[in-house]
Amino acid sequence: MQDDREEKTLSQEGNMRSESELSESDEKNEEKIDEKDQKQIDESADIQEDDEELQSGDLLPKYGCLKGCLIPIFGIVIIIIAIAMIIHSKSGTINEWLIVRIISNTQEKVLTDLPEGIDKKAVELTFDNVRSAIKNNRIDEQEVKTAIKEYLQATKGLVTPERKKIEIERLILRLNKSVSGSE
């Protein structure tokens, strides 16, 4: 009998422990669920507050919605205009640089295998005058481009020294004319 009582007592204690463990795990689960529910409630409350601010116009209370939207738009437009002005102002510089580079390359081509009877110093002086006139914007750029293009076409391939001399003289005359003709 006593054994029966001890067994009952032990089983009751085991049941009580199981129940207390179950109740503790239930409480933990309930706390987790409560935390999740609370997070969802907080998130929905935040969303509702944002909606109310958007609807009431209090999102930008200092400037109002109209000013708050227009100021950044005007800022962006001003930045775009400034960038366009910079690009436009630099286009002349790029064009000038390209022309000077073409003139330098043409000078190198003219001075390689210079035929007899052509003064090297005179050729160099002419090209220097053309570069200076381009920088000072007192030259007929179209005439320079045409003269160089025609010279390069005429001297393409194998050219006799006499033919090259004639073409160089023609180029020098046209370059000098383009500098003096624009003044």
N, C-alpha and C. Protein backbone atom coordinates (compact mmCIF):
# COMPACT_ATOMS: atom_id res chain seq x y z
N MET A 1 0.77 -1.18 0.00
CA MET A 1 0.00 0.00 0.00
C MET A 1 0.82 1.26 0.00
N GLN A 2 1.79 1.12 0.83
CA GLN A 2 2.64 2.28 0.89
C GLN A 2 3.31 2.49 -0.47
N ASP A 3 3.62 1.39 -1.10
CA ASP A 3 4.22 1.50 -2.43
C ASP A 3 3.25 2.14 -3.41
N ASP A 4 1.98 1.78 -3.22
CA ASP A 4 0.97 2.38 -4.10
C ASP A 4 0.89 3.88 -3.87
N ARG A 5 0.96 4.26 -2.63
CA ARG A 5 0.87 5.69 -2.30
C ARG A 5 2.08 6.43 -2.86
N GLU A 6 3.23 5.82 -2.72
CA GLU A 6 4.44 6.46 -3.22
C GLU A 6 4.36 6.60 -4.74
N GLU A 7 3.85 5.58 -5.37
CA GLU A 7 3.72 5.64 -6.82
C GLU A 7 2.74 6.74 -7.21
N LYS A 8 1.64 6.85 -6.48
CA LYS A 8 0.65 7.89 -6.77
C LYS A 8 1.27 9.26 -6.55
N THR A 9 2.02 9.38 -5.47
CA THR A 9 2.65 10.65 -5.16
C THR A 9 3.66 11.00 -6.25
N LEU A 10 4.45 10.01 -6.63
CA LEU A 10 5.43 10.24 -7.68
C LEU A 10 4.76 10.58 -9.01
N SER A 11 3.69 9.88 -9.30
CA SER A 11 3.00 10.16 -10.56
C SER A 11 2.34 11.54 -10.51
N GLN A 12 1.83 11.92 -9.32
CA GLN A 12 1.23 13.25 -9.18
C GLN A 12 2.30 14.32 -9.33
N GLU A 13 3.46 14.08 -8.73
CA GLU A 13 4.56 15.04 -8.85
C GLU A 13 5.02 15.14 -10.31
N GLY A 14 5.10 14.00 -10.97
CA GLY A 14 5.48 13.98 -12.39
C GLY A 14 4.47 14.73 -13.23
N ASN A 15 3.18 14.50 -12.90
CA ASN A 15 2.13 15.21 -13.62
C ASN A 15 2.23 16.71 -13.38
N MET A 16 2.52 17.07 -12.13
CA MET A 16 2.62 18.49 -11.79
C MET A 16 3.81 19.12 -12.52
N ARG A 17 4.91 18.37 -12.56
CA ARG A 17 6.07 18.89 -13.28
C ARG A 17 5.76 19.04 -14.76
N SER A 18 5.11 18.05 -15.32
CA SER A 18 4.74 18.11 -16.73
C SER A 18 3.82 19.28 -16.98
N GLU A 19 2.86 19.44 -16.07
CA GLU A 19 1.93 20.56 -16.23
C GLU A 19 2.64 21.89 -16.10
N SER A 20 3.56 21.99 -15.14
CA SER A 20 4.28 23.25 -14.97
C SER A 20 5.20 23.51 -16.17
N GLU A 21 5.84 22.47 -16.68
CA GLU A 21 6.68 22.62 -17.87
C GLU A 21 5.83 23.02 -19.06
N LEU A 22 4.67 22.38 -19.18
CA LEU A 22 3.77 22.73 -20.27
C LEU A 22 3.28 24.16 -20.14
N SER A 23 2.95 24.55 -18.94
CA SER A 23 2.46 25.91 -18.76
C SER A 23 3.57 26.92 -19.04
N GLU A 24 4.81 26.59 -18.68
CA GLU A 24 5.92 27.48 -18.98
C GLU A 24 6.14 27.59 -20.48
N SER A 25 6.11 26.48 -21.19
CA SER A 25 6.29 26.52 -22.64
C SER A 25 5.11 27.22 -23.30
N ASP A 26 3.90 27.02 -22.75
CA ASP A 26 2.73 27.73 -23.27
C ASP A 26 2.90 29.23 -23.08
N GLU A 27 3.40 29.62 -21.91
CA GLU A 27 3.61 31.04 -21.65
C GLU A 27 4.64 31.62 -22.61
N LYS A 28 5.71 30.86 -22.87
CA LYS A 28 6.74 31.33 -23.81
C LYS A 28 6.15 31.48 -25.20
N ASN A 29 5.36 30.49 -25.61
CA ASN A 29 4.72 30.56 -26.93
C ASN A 29 3.78 31.75 -27.00
N GLU A 30 3.02 31.96 -25.95
CA GLU A 30 2.10 33.09 -25.92
C GLU A 30 2.87 34.41 -25.98
N GLU A 31 4.02 34.48 -25.29
CA GLU A 31 4.83 35.69 -25.33
C GLU A 31 5.35 35.94 -26.74
N LYS A 32 5.79 34.86 -27.41
CA LYS A 32 6.27 35.01 -28.78
C LYS A 32 5.15 35.48 -29.69
N ILE A 33 3.99 34.89 -29.53
CA ILE A 33 2.84 35.29 -30.33
C ILE A 33 2.47 36.73 -30.03
N ASP A 34 2.48 37.09 -28.75
CA ASP A 34 2.17 38.46 -28.36
C ASP A 34 3.17 39.45 -28.96
N GLU A 35 4.46 39.07 -28.97
CA GLU A 35 5.48 39.94 -29.56
C GLU A 35 5.24 40.12 -31.05
N LYS A 36 4.92 39.02 -31.74
CA LYS A 36 4.65 39.11 -33.18
C LYS A 36 3.43 39.97 -33.44
N ASP A 37 2.39 39.75 -32.65
CA ASP A 37 1.18 40.55 -32.80
C ASP A 37 1.47 42.02 -32.54
N GLN A 38 2.28 42.29 -31.54
CA GLN A 38 2.61 43.67 -31.20
C GLN A 38 3.39 44.34 -32.33
N LYS A 39 4.31 43.58 -32.94
CA LYS A 39 5.08 44.11 -34.07
C LYS A 39 4.16 44.45 -35.23
N GLN A 40 3.22 43.54 -35.52
CA GLN A 40 2.28 43.78 -36.60
C GLN A 40 1.39 44.98 -36.30
N ILE A 41 0.98 45.10 -35.06
CA ILE A 41 0.14 46.24 -34.67
C ILE A 41 0.94 47.53 -34.82
N ASP A 42 2.21 47.52 -34.38
CA ASP A 42 3.05 48.71 -34.50
C ASP A 42 3.27 49.09 -35.96
N GLU A 43 3.52 48.08 -36.81
CA GLU A 43 3.72 48.36 -38.23
C GLU A 43 2.47 48.94 -38.86
N SER A 44 1.33 48.39 -38.55
CA SER A 44 0.09 48.91 -39.13
C SER A 44 -0.19 50.31 -38.60
N ALA A 45 0.17 50.58 -37.35
CA ALA A 45 -0.02 51.93 -36.80
C ALA A 45 0.89 52.92 -37.52
N ASP A 46 2.13 52.51 -37.80
CA ASP A 46 3.06 53.39 -38.53
C ASP A 46 2.53 53.68 -39.93
N ILE A 47 2.02 52.66 -40.58
CA ILE A 47 1.47 52.84 -41.93
C ILE A 47 0.28 53.79 -41.89
N GLN A 48 -0.57 53.63 -40.89
CA GLN A 48 -1.73 54.52 -40.76
C GLN A 48 -1.29 55.95 -40.51
N GLU A 49 -0.26 56.14 -39.68
CA GLU A 49 0.24 57.48 -39.42
C GLU A 49 0.79 58.11 -40.69
N ASP A 50 1.55 57.33 -41.49
CA ASP A 50 2.08 57.84 -42.74
C ASP A 50 0.96 58.22 -43.69
N ASP A 51 -0.08 57.37 -43.77
CA ASP A 51 -1.22 57.68 -44.62
C ASP A 51 -1.90 58.97 -44.18
N GLU A 52 -2.07 59.13 -42.88
CA GLU A 52 -2.70 60.34 -42.37
C GLU A 52 -1.87 61.58 -42.69
N GLU A 53 -0.53 61.46 -42.56
CA GLU A 53 0.34 62.59 -42.87
C GLU A 53 0.26 62.96 -44.34
N LEU A 54 0.23 61.94 -45.20
CA LEU A 54 0.12 62.21 -46.63
C LEU A 54 -1.21 62.86 -46.96
N GLN A 55 -2.28 62.39 -46.36
CA GLN A 55 -3.59 62.92 -46.66
C GLN A 55 -3.76 64.33 -46.10
N SER A 56 -3.19 64.60 -44.95
CA SER A 56 -3.38 65.91 -44.34
C SER A 56 -2.39 66.94 -44.87
N GLY A 57 -1.34 66.51 -45.56
CA GLY A 57 -0.35 67.45 -46.07
C GLY A 57 0.67 67.82 -45.02
N ASP A 58 0.70 67.13 -43.89
CA ASP A 58 1.64 67.44 -42.82
C ASP A 58 2.98 66.76 -43.02
N LEU A 59 3.17 66.09 -44.13
CA LEU A 59 4.43 65.41 -44.37
C LEU A 59 5.57 66.42 -44.49
N LEU A 60 5.29 67.53 -45.13
CA LEU A 60 6.27 68.61 -45.25
C LEU A 60 5.67 69.87 -44.61
N PRO A 61 5.53 69.90 -43.30
CA PRO A 61 4.83 71.01 -42.67
C PRO A 61 5.56 72.34 -42.81
N LYS A 62 6.86 72.31 -42.96
CA LYS A 62 7.61 73.55 -43.02
C LYS A 62 7.38 74.27 -44.34
N TYR A 63 7.35 73.54 -45.45
CA TYR A 63 7.23 74.14 -46.76
C TYR A 63 5.88 73.91 -47.42
N GLY A 64 5.16 72.94 -46.98
CA GLY A 64 3.95 72.54 -47.67
C GLY A 64 4.31 71.61 -48.81
N CYS A 65 3.36 70.88 -49.26
CA CYS A 65 3.64 69.86 -50.28
C CYS A 65 4.06 70.51 -51.60
N LEU A 66 3.41 71.61 -51.98
CA LEU A 66 3.72 72.23 -53.26
C LEU A 66 5.16 72.75 -53.29
N LYS A 67 5.54 73.50 -52.27
CA LYS A 67 6.91 74.02 -52.22
C LYS A 67 7.90 72.88 -52.02
N GLY A 68 7.54 71.92 -51.23
CA GLY A 68 8.44 70.79 -50.98
C GLY A 68 8.72 69.99 -52.23
N CYS A 69 7.80 69.98 -53.17
CA CYS A 69 8.00 69.25 -54.42
C CYS A 69 8.66 70.13 -55.48
N LEU A 70 8.31 71.41 -55.49
CA LEU A 70 8.83 72.29 -56.54
C LEU A 70 10.29 72.68 -56.33
N ILE A 71 10.70 72.83 -55.10
CA ILE A 71 12.09 73.24 -54.84
C ILE A 71 13.08 72.22 -55.40
N PRO A 72 12.93 70.93 -55.13
CA PRO A 72 13.87 69.97 -55.74
C PRO A 72 13.78 69.93 -57.27
N ILE A 73 12.59 70.10 -57.81
CA ILE A 73 12.43 70.09 -59.27
C ILE A 73 13.18 71.27 -59.87
N PHE A 74 13.01 72.47 -59.30
CA PHE A 74 13.72 73.64 -59.81
C PHE A 74 15.23 73.47 -59.64
N GLY A 75 15.65 72.86 -58.55
CA GLY A 75 17.08 72.61 -58.34
C GLY A 75 17.65 71.71 -59.42
N ILE A 76 16.92 70.67 -59.76
CA ILE A 76 17.37 69.74 -60.80
C ILE A 76 17.42 70.44 -62.16
N VAL A 77 16.41 71.27 -62.45
CA VAL A 77 16.38 72.00 -63.73
C VAL A 77 17.57 72.95 -63.82
N ILE A 78 17.88 73.63 -62.74
CA ILE A 78 19.02 74.56 -62.74
C ILE A 78 20.33 73.80 -62.96
N ILE A 79 20.47 72.65 -62.34
CA ILE A 79 21.68 71.84 -62.53
C ILE A 79 21.80 71.39 -63.98
N ILE A 80 20.70 70.96 -64.57
CA ILE A 80 20.72 70.53 -65.98
C ILE A 80 21.10 71.69 -66.89
N ILE A 81 20.56 72.87 -66.63
CA ILE A 81 20.89 74.05 -67.44
C ILE A 81 22.37 74.39 -67.30
N ALA A 82 22.90 74.32 -66.08
CA ALA A 82 24.32 74.62 -65.86
C ALA A 82 25.20 73.63 -66.61
N ILE A 83 24.86 72.36 -66.58
CA ILE A 83 25.64 71.34 -67.29
C ILE A 83 25.59 71.59 -68.80
N ALA A 84 24.41 71.94 -69.31
CA ALA A 84 24.27 72.22 -70.74
C ALA A 84 25.12 73.43 -71.14
N MET A 85 25.14 74.46 -70.29
CA MET A 85 25.95 75.64 -70.60
C MET A 85 27.44 75.30 -70.62
N ILE A 86 27.87 74.47 -69.69
CA ILE A 86 29.28 74.07 -69.65
C ILE A 86 29.64 73.28 -70.90
N ILE A 87 28.79 72.34 -71.28
CA ILE A 87 29.05 71.54 -72.48
C ILE A 87 29.09 72.44 -73.71
N HIS A 88 28.15 73.38 -73.79
CA HIS A 88 28.09 74.27 -74.95
C HIS A 88 29.35 75.14 -75.02
N SER A 89 29.80 75.64 -73.88
CA SER A 89 30.99 76.49 -73.89
C SER A 89 32.24 75.70 -74.23
N LYS A 90 32.29 74.44 -73.86
CA LYS A 90 33.46 73.61 -74.14
C LYS A 90 33.49 73.11 -75.58
N SER A 91 32.36 73.14 -76.28
CA SER A 91 32.35 72.60 -77.64
C SER A 91 33.28 73.39 -78.55
N GLY A 92 33.37 74.71 -78.35
CA GLY A 92 34.29 75.52 -79.13
C GLY A 92 35.73 75.16 -78.82
N THR A 93 36.02 74.87 -77.58
CA THR A 93 37.37 74.49 -77.16
C THR A 93 37.76 73.16 -77.78
N ILE A 94 36.84 72.22 -77.78
CA ILE A 94 37.12 70.90 -78.37
C ILE A 94 37.35 71.04 -79.87
N ASN A 95 36.52 71.84 -80.53
CA ASN A 95 36.67 72.06 -81.96
C ASN A 95 38.02 72.70 -82.25
N GLU A 96 38.40 73.69 -81.45
CA GLU A 96 39.69 74.37 -81.62
C GLU A 96 40.84 73.38 -81.43
N TRP A 97 40.74 72.54 -80.42
CA TRP A 97 41.79 71.57 -80.15
C TRP A 97 41.94 70.59 -81.32
N LEU A 98 40.81 70.15 -81.88
CA LEU A 98 40.87 69.21 -83.01
C LEU A 98 41.53 69.86 -84.22
N ILE A 99 41.18 71.11 -84.49
CA ILE A 99 41.77 71.78 -85.65
C ILE A 99 43.27 71.96 -85.45
N VAL A 100 43.68 72.36 -84.25
CA VAL A 100 45.11 72.51 -83.97
C VAL A 100 45.83 71.18 -84.13
N ARG A 101 45.20 70.12 -83.69
CA ARG A 101 45.81 68.78 -83.81
C ARG A 101 45.95 68.37 -85.28
N ILE A 102 44.93 68.65 -86.07
CA ILE A 102 44.99 68.34 -87.50
C ILE A 102 46.09 69.14 -88.17
N ILE A 103 46.21 70.42 -87.79
CA ILE A 103 47.25 71.27 -88.37
C ILE A 103 48.63 70.73 -88.00
N SER A 104 48.81 70.32 -86.75
CA SER A 104 50.11 69.77 -86.32
C SER A 104 50.45 68.50 -87.08
N ASN A 105 49.47 67.64 -87.26
CA ASN A 105 49.71 66.39 -88.01
C ASN A 105 50.05 66.70 -89.47
N THR A 106 49.36 67.69 -90.04
CA THR A 106 49.65 68.06 -91.43
C THR A 106 51.06 68.64 -91.54
N GLN A 107 51.44 69.45 -90.55
CA GLN A 107 52.79 70.01 -90.56
C GLN A 107 53.84 68.90 -90.53
N GLU A 108 53.63 67.90 -89.69
CA GLU A 108 54.57 66.78 -89.63
C GLU A 108 54.65 66.07 -90.98
N LYS A 109 53.50 65.89 -91.62
CA LYS A 109 53.48 65.21 -92.92
C LYS A 109 54.20 66.05 -93.98
N VAL A 110 54.00 67.36 -93.95
CA VAL A 110 54.65 68.24 -94.92
C VAL A 110 56.16 68.24 -94.72
N LEU A 111 56.60 68.28 -93.47
CA LEU A 111 58.03 68.39 -93.19
C LEU A 111 58.80 67.08 -93.38
N THR A 112 58.11 65.95 -93.45
CA THR A 112 58.81 64.69 -93.73
C THR A 112 59.11 64.64 -95.22
N ASP A 113 60.33 64.35 -95.55
CA ASP A 113 60.79 64.30 -96.95
C ASP A 113 60.44 65.59 -97.69
N LEU A 114 60.86 66.71 -97.12
CA LEU A 114 60.61 68.02 -97.72
C LEU A 114 61.40 68.14 -99.03
N PRO A 115 60.75 68.44 -100.14
CA PRO A 115 61.47 68.56 -101.42
C PRO A 115 62.45 69.75 -101.40
N GLU A 116 63.43 69.68 -102.27
CA GLU A 116 64.39 70.78 -102.38
C GLU A 116 63.69 72.01 -102.92
N GLY A 117 64.15 73.17 -102.46
CA GLY A 117 63.58 74.42 -102.94
C GLY A 117 62.50 74.97 -102.03
N ILE A 118 62.12 74.25 -100.98
CA ILE A 118 61.12 74.74 -100.04
C ILE A 118 61.83 75.01 -98.72
N ASP A 119 61.61 76.21 -98.20
CA ASP A 119 62.26 76.62 -96.96
C ASP A 119 61.51 76.02 -95.76
N LYS A 120 62.23 75.24 -94.98
CA LYS A 120 61.63 74.57 -93.82
C LYS A 120 61.14 75.60 -92.80
N LYS A 121 61.92 76.66 -92.59
CA LYS A 121 61.55 77.70 -91.62
C LYS A 121 60.27 78.41 -92.05
N ALA A 122 60.10 78.64 -93.34
CA ALA A 122 58.90 79.31 -93.84
C ALA A 122 57.66 78.44 -93.60
N VAL A 123 57.81 77.13 -93.81
CA VAL A 123 56.69 76.21 -93.58
C VAL A 123 56.33 76.19 -92.10
N GLU A 124 57.34 76.10 -91.24
CA GLU A 124 57.08 76.10 -89.80
C GLU A 124 56.42 77.40 -89.35
N LEU A 125 56.91 78.53 -89.89
CA LEU A 125 56.34 79.83 -89.54
C LEU A 125 54.88 79.93 -89.97
N THR A 126 54.57 79.42 -91.14
CA THR A 126 53.19 79.45 -91.63
C THR A 126 52.27 78.65 -90.72
N PHE A 127 52.69 77.45 -90.35
CA PHE A 127 51.85 76.63 -89.47
C PHE A 127 51.73 77.25 -88.07
N ASP A 128 52.81 77.88 -87.58
CA ASP A 128 52.72 78.57 -86.29
C ASP A 128 51.74 79.74 -86.35
N ASN A 129 51.77 80.48 -87.47
CA ASN A 129 50.82 81.59 -87.64
C ASN A 129 49.38 81.09 -87.67
N VAL A 130 49.16 79.96 -88.31
CA VAL A 130 47.81 79.38 -88.38
C VAL A 130 47.34 78.98 -86.98
N ARG A 131 48.21 78.34 -86.21
CA ARG A 131 47.84 77.95 -84.84
C ARG A 131 47.52 79.18 -83.99
N SER A 132 48.34 80.19 -84.11
CA SER A 132 48.13 81.42 -83.35
C SER A 132 46.81 82.09 -83.75
N ALA A 133 46.53 82.10 -85.05
CA ALA A 133 45.29 82.71 -85.53
C ALA A 133 44.06 81.94 -85.04
N ILE A 134 44.18 80.63 -84.94
CA ILE A 134 43.06 79.83 -84.43
C ILE A 134 42.81 80.16 -82.97
N LYS A 135 43.88 80.27 -82.19
CA LYS A 135 43.71 80.58 -80.77
C LYS A 135 43.14 81.98 -80.56
N ASN A 136 43.48 82.90 -81.45
CA ASN A 136 42.97 84.27 -81.35
C ASN A 136 41.67 84.46 -82.11
N ASN A 137 41.17 83.39 -82.71
CA ASN A 137 39.90 83.38 -83.43
C ASN A 137 39.88 84.39 -84.58
N ARG A 138 40.95 84.47 -85.33
CA ARG A 138 41.01 85.36 -86.48
C ARG A 138 41.50 84.60 -87.71
N ILE A 139 40.74 83.57 -88.03
CA ILE A 139 41.10 82.72 -89.17
C ILE A 139 39.83 82.16 -89.78
N ASP A 140 39.89 81.89 -91.07
CA ASP A 140 38.78 81.24 -91.75
C ASP A 140 39.00 79.72 -91.62
N GLU A 141 38.33 79.13 -90.64
CA GLU A 141 38.54 77.70 -90.33
C GLU A 141 38.14 76.81 -91.49
N GLN A 142 37.10 77.19 -92.20
CA GLN A 142 36.64 76.37 -93.31
C GLN A 142 37.69 76.32 -94.42
N GLU A 143 38.32 77.45 -94.67
CA GLU A 143 39.38 77.51 -95.68
C GLU A 143 40.57 76.63 -95.29
N VAL A 144 40.92 76.65 -94.00
CA VAL A 144 42.02 75.82 -93.51
C VAL A 144 41.68 74.34 -93.69
N LYS A 145 40.47 73.97 -93.29
CA LYS A 145 40.05 72.57 -93.42
C LYS A 145 40.07 72.12 -94.88
N THR A 146 39.57 72.98 -95.76
CA THR A 146 39.53 72.63 -97.18
C THR A 146 40.95 72.50 -97.75
N ALA A 147 41.82 73.43 -97.39
CA ALA A 147 43.20 73.40 -97.90
C ALA A 147 43.92 72.13 -97.45
N ILE A 148 43.77 71.78 -96.19
CA ILE A 148 44.43 70.58 -95.68
C ILE A 148 43.86 69.33 -96.33
N LYS A 149 42.54 69.30 -96.48
CA LYS A 149 41.89 68.13 -97.09
C LYS A 149 42.38 67.94 -98.53
N GLU A 150 42.43 69.02 -99.29
CA GLU A 150 42.88 68.92 -100.67
C GLU A 150 44.36 68.52 -100.75
N TYR A 151 45.18 69.04 -99.84
CA TYR A 151 46.60 68.66 -99.83
C TYR A 151 46.75 67.17 -99.55
N LEU A 152 46.03 66.67 -98.55
CA LEU A 152 46.13 65.25 -98.19
C LEU A 152 45.65 64.35 -99.32
N GLN A 153 44.59 64.77 -100.02
CA GLN A 153 44.10 63.98 -101.15
C GLN A 153 45.10 63.99 -102.30
N ALA A 154 45.71 65.15 -102.55
CA ALA A 154 46.64 65.28 -103.67
C ALA A 154 47.93 64.52 -103.43
N THR A 155 48.34 64.40 -102.17
CA THR A 155 49.62 63.73 -101.88
C THR A 155 49.44 62.29 -101.42
N LYS A 156 48.25 61.76 -101.55
CA LYS A 156 48.00 60.37 -101.16
C LYS A 156 48.72 59.44 -102.13
N GLY A 157 49.37 58.44 -101.59
CA GLY A 157 50.07 57.47 -102.43
C GLY A 157 51.45 57.98 -102.82
N LEU A 158 51.98 57.42 -103.91
CA LEU A 158 53.31 57.82 -104.38
C LEU A 158 53.21 59.12 -105.16
N VAL A 159 54.01 60.10 -104.71
CA VAL A 159 53.99 61.42 -105.34
C VAL A 159 55.43 61.81 -105.67
N THR A 160 55.61 62.37 -106.83
CA THR A 160 56.95 62.81 -107.22
C THR A 160 57.34 64.04 -106.40
N PRO A 161 58.63 64.28 -106.23
CA PRO A 161 59.07 65.45 -105.46
C PRO A 161 58.56 66.77 -106.07
N GLU A 162 58.49 66.84 -107.40
CA GLU A 162 58.00 68.07 -108.03
C GLU A 162 56.52 68.28 -107.70
N ARG A 163 55.76 67.22 -107.77
CA ARG A 163 54.32 67.31 -107.46
C ARG A 163 54.11 67.68 -105.99
N LYS A 164 54.91 67.08 -105.10
CA LYS A 164 54.80 67.39 -103.68
C LYS A 164 55.15 68.85 -103.42
N LYS A 165 56.18 69.36 -104.13
CA LYS A 165 56.57 70.77 -103.96
C LYS A 165 55.44 71.69 -104.37
N ILE A 166 54.79 71.39 -105.48
CA ILE A 166 53.67 72.21 -105.95
C ILE A 166 52.53 72.20 -104.93
N GLU A 167 52.21 71.02 -104.42
CA GLU A 167 51.10 70.90 -103.45
C GLU A 167 51.43 71.62 -102.13
N ILE A 168 52.69 71.53 -101.69
CA ILE A 168 53.08 72.23 -100.45
C ILE A 168 52.97 73.74 -100.65
N GLU A 169 53.45 74.23 -101.79
CA GLU A 169 53.35 75.67 -102.06
C GLU A 169 51.89 76.12 -102.10
N ARG A 170 51.05 75.31 -102.74
CA ARG A 170 49.62 75.64 -102.80
C ARG A 170 49.01 75.66 -101.38
N LEU A 171 49.38 74.67 -100.55
CA LEU A 171 48.88 74.61 -99.17
C LEU A 171 49.32 75.83 -98.38
N ILE A 172 50.59 76.21 -98.50
CA ILE A 172 51.12 77.36 -97.76
C ILE A 172 50.39 78.63 -98.18
N LEU A 173 50.17 78.80 -99.48
CA LEU A 173 49.44 79.99 -99.96
C LEU A 173 48.02 80.04 -99.40
N ARG A 174 47.34 78.92 -99.42
CA ARG A 174 45.95 78.90 -98.92
C ARG A 174 45.90 79.12 -97.41
N LEU A 175 46.86 78.57 -96.68
CA LEU A 175 46.89 78.79 -95.23
C LEU A 175 47.15 80.26 -94.92
N ASN A 176 48.11 80.87 -95.64
CA ASN A 176 48.38 82.30 -95.43
C ASN A 176 47.16 83.14 -95.80
N LYS A 177 46.46 82.75 -96.86
CA LYS A 177 45.25 83.47 -97.29
C LYS A 177 44.16 83.35 -96.22
N SER A 178 44.02 82.18 -95.62
CA SER A 178 42.98 82.00 -94.60
C SER A 178 43.25 82.83 -93.35
N VAL A 179 44.54 83.06 -93.05
CA VAL A 179 44.88 83.90 -91.89
C VAL A 179 44.66 85.37 -92.23
N SER A 180 45.14 85.82 -93.37
CA SER A 180 45.02 87.23 -93.73
C SER A 180 43.63 87.58 -94.23
N GLY A 181 42.91 86.62 -94.80
CA GLY A 181 41.57 86.89 -95.34
C GLY A 181 40.52 87.12 -94.29
N SER A 182 40.74 86.67 -93.08
CA SER A 182 39.72 86.81 -92.04
C SER A 182 39.89 88.08 -91.22
N GLU A 183 40.98 88.80 -91.42
CA GLU A 183 41.23 90.01 -90.63
C GLU A 183 40.45 91.18 -91.15
